[in-house]
Amino acid sequence: MAPKRDREDDAQVPHVKKVRGGFKVGPDNLPDGTWRRKVIKIKKDLIHNAKVKKSYAKVKARTSPPPVPAAPHGETSTPPPAFLPEKEKDLDSNLESPSRSTSPPPVPAAPDASTIVIQAPEEPVAPTPAAEEPKQEQDQELHPSRQAMLDAPDAPPAAASVPRFSGPKIDGKSRGAKRPGYFDKAKAEADAKKKEAEERRAEFERRDRERKGKVEERERHRRAMAKARTGGRNGQRKLGRESVVLLDKVRRMVG
């Protein structure tokens, strides 16, 4: 078969690298508001955490020592020590030299029986009587009230039979414990409003009584003045009656 002819479009159209769009946390068409701000904040936090982890991995790889290559199967590799004392260096040089001795290491000599010293166990030292003297003196010098309490006869034992629920409990779980007041605040406000209303009503009644008394006093004064100004038998004014009414008016004005 004849080979297939290449497409002419392949040579003309260059290869375009696909651009990645990144990751998405929420929908793109969210309106401006609480949900959009929340999605943006979550995305920023994820990007920041990823950058922190990446930088931490770089710092850790830069500061950590290089890994030790694994030894073949059946062999154990021990890294050489960084510092060797002089004695260990001498031993290593003797071992590495060709004229090293093949004699076995010296065996420590057994200790002689005559040189062995057996130590006897230490006996406990008895306390001296001088340490007990201050204690005895302290016991002898008792407070008078303490001595009287010790000398007093023993009190008779309390009665064993105690009636149940005889008194209030100490732990606060008695039957008559105060319950929490759920409406104490509302009740206090209602009582205050009721008291203010009663005070306003009493003040209104007092002013009403004063106003009515003044009206009655003015009416009585007007009637007395009108009666005093009427003429007598000969058409003369009653000065005595007018004087009483006027004197009463002056007294009210002055005092």
Protein backbone atom coordinates (compact mmCIF):
# COMPACT_ATOMS: atom_id res chain seq x y z
CA MET A 1 0.00 0.00 0.00
CA ALA A 2 1.10 3.54 -0.65
CA PRO A 3 1.96 5.59 2.47
CA LYS A 4 -0.58 8.12 3.58
CA ARG A 5 0.11 11.70 2.74
CA ASP A 6 0.62 14.03 5.68
CA ARG A 7 -1.89 16.73 6.28
CA GLU A 8 -0.88 20.15 5.05
CA ASP A 9 -2.42 21.84 8.11
CA ASP A 10 0.03 20.13 10.49
CA ALA A 11 3.04 22.03 9.13
CA GLN A 12 1.30 25.38 9.17
CA VAL A 13 -0.31 25.25 12.62
CA PRO A 14 2.37 25.40 15.39
CA HIS A 15 1.99 23.37 18.55
CA VAL A 16 0.35 25.49 21.23
CA LYS A 17 0.93 24.58 24.88
CA LYS A 18 -2.26 24.30 26.86
CA VAL A 19 -2.43 26.77 29.70
CA ARG A 20 -3.65 25.39 32.97
CA GLY A 21 -6.44 27.31 34.58
CA GLY A 22 -5.57 26.56 38.19
CA PHE A 23 -7.86 25.10 40.82
CA LYS A 24 -11.29 26.25 41.86
CA VAL A 25 -12.79 26.44 45.32
CA GLY A 26 -16.28 27.64 44.46
CA PRO A 27 -18.37 28.76 41.50
CA ASP A 28 -17.16 31.76 39.51
CA ASN A 29 -20.55 33.44 39.17
CA LEU A 30 -21.07 34.23 42.85
CA PRO A 31 -22.37 37.76 43.51
CA ASP A 32 -20.43 40.17 45.67
CA GLY A 33 -21.23 39.28 49.25
CA THR A 34 -20.37 37.06 52.16
CA TRP A 35 -20.12 33.80 50.20
CA ARG A 36 -17.79 35.25 47.54
CA ARG A 37 -15.48 36.77 50.17
CA LYS A 38 -15.44 33.45 52.02
CA VAL A 39 -14.49 31.51 48.86
CA ILE A 40 -11.71 34.00 48.04
CA LYS A 41 -10.35 33.75 51.60
CA ILE A 42 -10.29 29.93 51.48
CA LYS A 43 -8.43 29.97 48.16
CA LYS A 44 -5.84 32.46 49.45
CA ASP A 45 -5.28 30.35 52.57
CA LEU A 46 -4.74 27.19 50.48
CA ILE A 47 -2.21 28.96 48.24
CA HIS A 48 -0.36 30.38 51.27
CA ASN A 49 -0.19 26.98 53.00
CA ALA A 50 1.12 25.33 49.81
CA LYS A 51 3.86 27.96 49.47
CA VAL A 52 4.84 27.53 53.13
CA LYS A 53 5.08 23.75 52.75
CA LYS A 54 7.17 24.08 49.59
CA SER A 55 9.61 26.52 51.20
CA TYR A 56 9.85 24.34 54.32
CA ALA A 57 10.69 21.31 52.17
CA LYS A 58 13.46 23.29 50.44
CA VAL A 59 14.94 24.46 53.76
CA LYS A 60 14.77 20.95 55.20
CA ALA A 61 16.47 19.44 52.15
CA ARG A 62 19.20 22.10 52.34
CA THR A 63 19.90 21.66 56.08
CA SER A 64 19.49 17.88 56.48
CA PRO A 65 22.63 15.68 56.05
CA PRO A 66 22.97 13.60 52.85
CA PRO A 67 21.46 10.11 53.06
CA VAL A 68 23.86 7.22 53.78
CA PRO A 69 23.98 4.63 50.94
CA ALA A 70 22.59 1.26 51.91
CA ALA A 71 25.13 -1.53 52.46
CA PRO A 72 24.94 -4.81 50.47
CA HIS A 73 23.01 -7.71 51.88
CA GLY A 74 24.85 -9.45 54.70
CA GLU A 75 27.31 -6.60 55.40
CA THR A 76 27.02 -3.95 58.05
CA SER A 77 28.72 -0.66 57.39
CA THR A 78 29.78 1.37 60.41
CA PRO A 79 30.70 4.98 59.74
CA PRO A 80 34.20 5.95 60.93
CA PRO A 81 34.20 7.99 64.12
CA ALA A 82 34.89 11.68 63.74
CA PHE A 83 37.30 11.81 66.69
CA LEU A 84 39.51 9.09 68.16
CA PRO A 85 41.52 9.42 71.35
CA GLU A 86 45.28 8.91 71.27
CA LYS A 87 45.09 5.49 72.90
CA GLU A 88 42.61 4.24 70.33
CA LYS A 89 44.78 5.66 67.53
CA ASP A 90 47.81 3.78 68.90
CA LEU A 91 45.84 0.57 69.07
CA ASP A 92 44.66 1.02 65.50
CA SER A 93 48.24 1.66 64.33
CA ASN A 94 49.50 -1.46 66.12
CA LEU A 95 46.77 -3.56 64.59
CA GLU A 96 47.45 -2.22 61.10
CA SER A 97 51.29 -2.68 61.36
CA PRO A 98 52.68 -5.93 59.80
CA SER A 99 54.82 -6.71 62.87
CA ARG A 100 51.92 -6.89 65.23
CA SER A 101 52.20 -9.51 67.95
CA THR A 102 50.04 -12.64 67.85
CA SER A 103 50.21 -13.25 71.59
CA PRO A 104 46.88 -13.41 73.39
CA PRO A 105 45.88 -10.50 75.59
CA PRO A 106 47.09 -10.66 79.19
CA VAL A 107 44.71 -12.28 81.65
CA PRO A 108 44.15 -10.31 84.85
CA ALA A 109 45.58 -12.04 87.90
CA ALA A 110 43.18 -13.45 90.45
CA PRO A 111 43.11 -11.54 93.72
CA ASP A 112 45.00 -13.08 96.58
CA ALA A 113 42.95 -14.40 99.47
CA SER A 114 45.22 -12.65 101.95
CA THR A 115 44.55 -9.25 100.39
CA ILE A 116 40.76 -9.53 100.45
CA VAL A 117 39.25 -7.39 103.19
CA ILE A 118 35.73 -8.20 104.33
CA GLN A 119 33.87 -5.17 105.68
CA ALA A 120 31.47 -5.81 108.51
CA PRO A 121 27.95 -4.34 108.22
CA GLU A 122 27.52 -1.09 110.02
CA GLU A 123 25.47 -1.31 113.18
CA PRO A 124 22.69 1.24 113.68
CA VAL A 125 23.66 3.97 116.09
CA ALA A 126 21.29 4.31 119.01
CA PRO A 127 19.83 7.80 119.50
CA THR A 128 21.35 9.81 122.26
CA PRO A 129 19.15 10.69 125.21
CA ALA A 130 20.00 14.38 124.74
CA ALA A 131 17.69 14.56 121.68
CA GLU A 132 14.72 13.30 123.71
CA GLU A 133 15.06 15.86 126.48
CA PRO A 134 13.61 18.85 124.50
CA LYS A 135 10.68 16.69 123.45
CA GLN A 136 9.92 15.71 127.03
CA GLU A 137 10.19 19.34 128.13
CA GLN A 138 7.80 20.36 125.35
CA ASP A 139 5.30 17.71 126.45
CA GLN A 140 5.54 18.91 130.02
CA GLU A 141 4.91 22.58 129.12
CA LEU A 142 1.30 22.31 127.91
CA HIS A 143 -1.12 25.17 127.52
CA PRO A 144 -3.55 25.52 130.45
CA SER A 145 -6.61 25.12 128.21
CA ARG A 146 -5.06 22.03 126.63
CA GLN A 147 -4.31 20.59 130.04
CA ALA A 148 -7.87 21.34 131.21
CA MET A 149 -9.31 19.65 128.13
CA LEU A 150 -7.17 16.59 128.75
CA ASP A 151 -8.16 16.48 132.42
CA ALA A 152 -11.89 16.88 131.68
CA PRO A 153 -13.98 13.67 131.73
CA ASP A 154 -14.90 12.11 128.42
CA ALA A 155 -18.18 13.34 126.93
CA PRO A 156 -20.97 10.76 126.60
CA PRO A 157 -21.32 9.31 123.08
CA ALA A 158 -23.98 10.87 120.90
CA ALA A 159 -27.20 9.04 120.27
CA ALA A 160 -26.86 6.56 117.45
CA SER A 161 -30.43 6.94 116.21
CA VAL A 162 -30.81 10.23 114.35
CA PRO A 163 -34.19 10.93 112.74
CA ARG A 164 -34.11 11.15 108.99
CA PHE A 165 -34.45 14.62 107.43
CA SER A 166 -34.14 16.16 110.90
CA GLY A 167 -32.37 19.29 109.70
CA PRO A 168 -31.17 21.12 106.62
CA LYS A 169 -28.50 19.39 104.60
CA ILE A 170 -25.01 20.87 104.51
CA ASP A 171 -24.39 20.22 100.83
CA GLY A 172 -27.25 22.48 99.78
CA LYS A 173 -29.41 19.71 98.35
CA SER A 174 -32.23 20.10 100.87
CA ARG A 175 -35.80 19.75 99.78
CA GLY A 176 -36.59 23.41 100.41
CA ALA A 177 -33.77 24.81 98.28
CA LYS A 178 -34.54 28.06 96.52
CA ARG A 179 -35.39 27.61 92.89
CA PRO A 180 -33.99 29.98 90.29
CA GLY A 181 -36.25 32.90 89.51
CA TYR A 182 -36.71 33.10 85.77
CA PHE A 183 -38.99 36.19 85.92
CA ASP A 184 -37.41 38.13 88.79
CA LYS A 185 -36.21 40.93 86.52
CA ALA A 186 -39.57 41.31 84.78
CA LYS A 187 -41.38 41.24 88.13
CA ALA A 188 -39.09 43.93 89.55
CA GLU A 189 -39.71 46.14 86.51
CA ALA A 190 -43.47 45.63 86.80
CA ASP A 191 -43.41 46.50 90.51
CA ALA A 192 -41.42 49.68 89.79
CA LYS A 193 -43.88 50.74 87.07
CA LYS A 194 -46.83 50.02 89.36
CA LYS A 195 -45.29 52.10 92.13
CA GLU A 196 -44.69 55.02 89.75
CA ALA A 197 -48.29 54.84 88.52
CA GLU A 198 -49.60 54.92 92.09
CA GLU A 199 -47.42 57.95 92.88
CA ARG A 200 -48.67 59.78 89.78
CA ARG A 201 -52.29 58.97 90.67
CA ALA A 202 -51.85 60.20 94.25
CA GLU A 203 -50.25 63.45 92.98
CA PHE A 204 -53.10 63.96 90.50
CA GLU A 205 -55.71 63.44 93.23
CA ARG A 206 -53.92 65.90 95.53
CA ARG A 207 -53.77 68.59 92.85
CA ASP A 208 -57.40 67.97 91.96
CA ARG A 209 -58.44 68.43 95.59
CA GLU A 210 -56.42 71.65 95.83
CA ARG A 211 -57.96 72.98 92.63
CA LYS A 212 -61.47 72.16 93.76
CA GLY A 213 -60.83 73.76 97.16
CA LYS A 214 -59.57 76.96 95.55
CA VAL A 215 -62.58 77.09 93.22
CA GLU A 216 -64.96 76.64 96.15
CA GLU A 217 -63.11 79.30 98.16
CA ARG A 218 -63.32 81.79 95.29
CA GLU A 219 -67.01 81.06 94.82
CA ARG A 220 -67.70 81.54 98.54
CA HIS A 221 -65.73 84.79 98.55
CA ARG A 222 -67.62 85.99 95.48
CA ARG A 223 -71.00 85.27 97.06
CA ALA A 224 -70.03 86.93 100.34
CA MET A 225 -68.75 90.02 98.48
CA ALA A 226 -71.87 90.20 96.36
CA LYS A 227 -74.05 89.93 99.46
CA ALA A 228 -72.02 92.60 101.26
CA ARG A 229 -72.25 95.04 98.36
CA THR A 230 -76.02 94.94 98.17
CA GLY A 231 -77.59 98.03 99.60
CA GLY A 232 -79.36 98.07 102.90
CA ARG A 233 -82.78 99.47 103.65
CA ASN A 234 -81.71 103.00 102.83
CA GLY A 235 -79.42 101.91 99.91
CA GLN A 236 -76.27 102.22 102.02
CA ARG A 237 -73.31 99.72 101.67
CA LYS A 238 -72.69 97.12 104.38
CA LEU A 239 -69.15 98.06 105.33
CA GLY A 240 -68.99 95.53 108.17
CA ARG A 241 -69.64 92.61 105.87
CA GLU A 242 -67.23 93.96 103.24
CA SER A 243 -64.51 94.42 105.85
CA VAL A 244 -64.73 90.77 106.93
CA VAL A 245 -64.46 89.53 103.34
CA LEU A 246 -61.61 91.91 102.50
CA LEU A 247 -59.71 90.99 105.69
CA ASP A 248 -60.01 87.29 104.82
CA LYS A 249 -58.68 88.02 101.32
CA VAL A 250 -55.69 89.95 102.70
CA ARG A 251 -54.87 87.12 105.09
CA ARG A 252 -54.82 84.60 102.22
CA MET A 253 -52.58 86.85 100.14
CA VAL A 254 -50.12 87.51 102.99
CA GLY A 255 -49.87 84.13 104.56
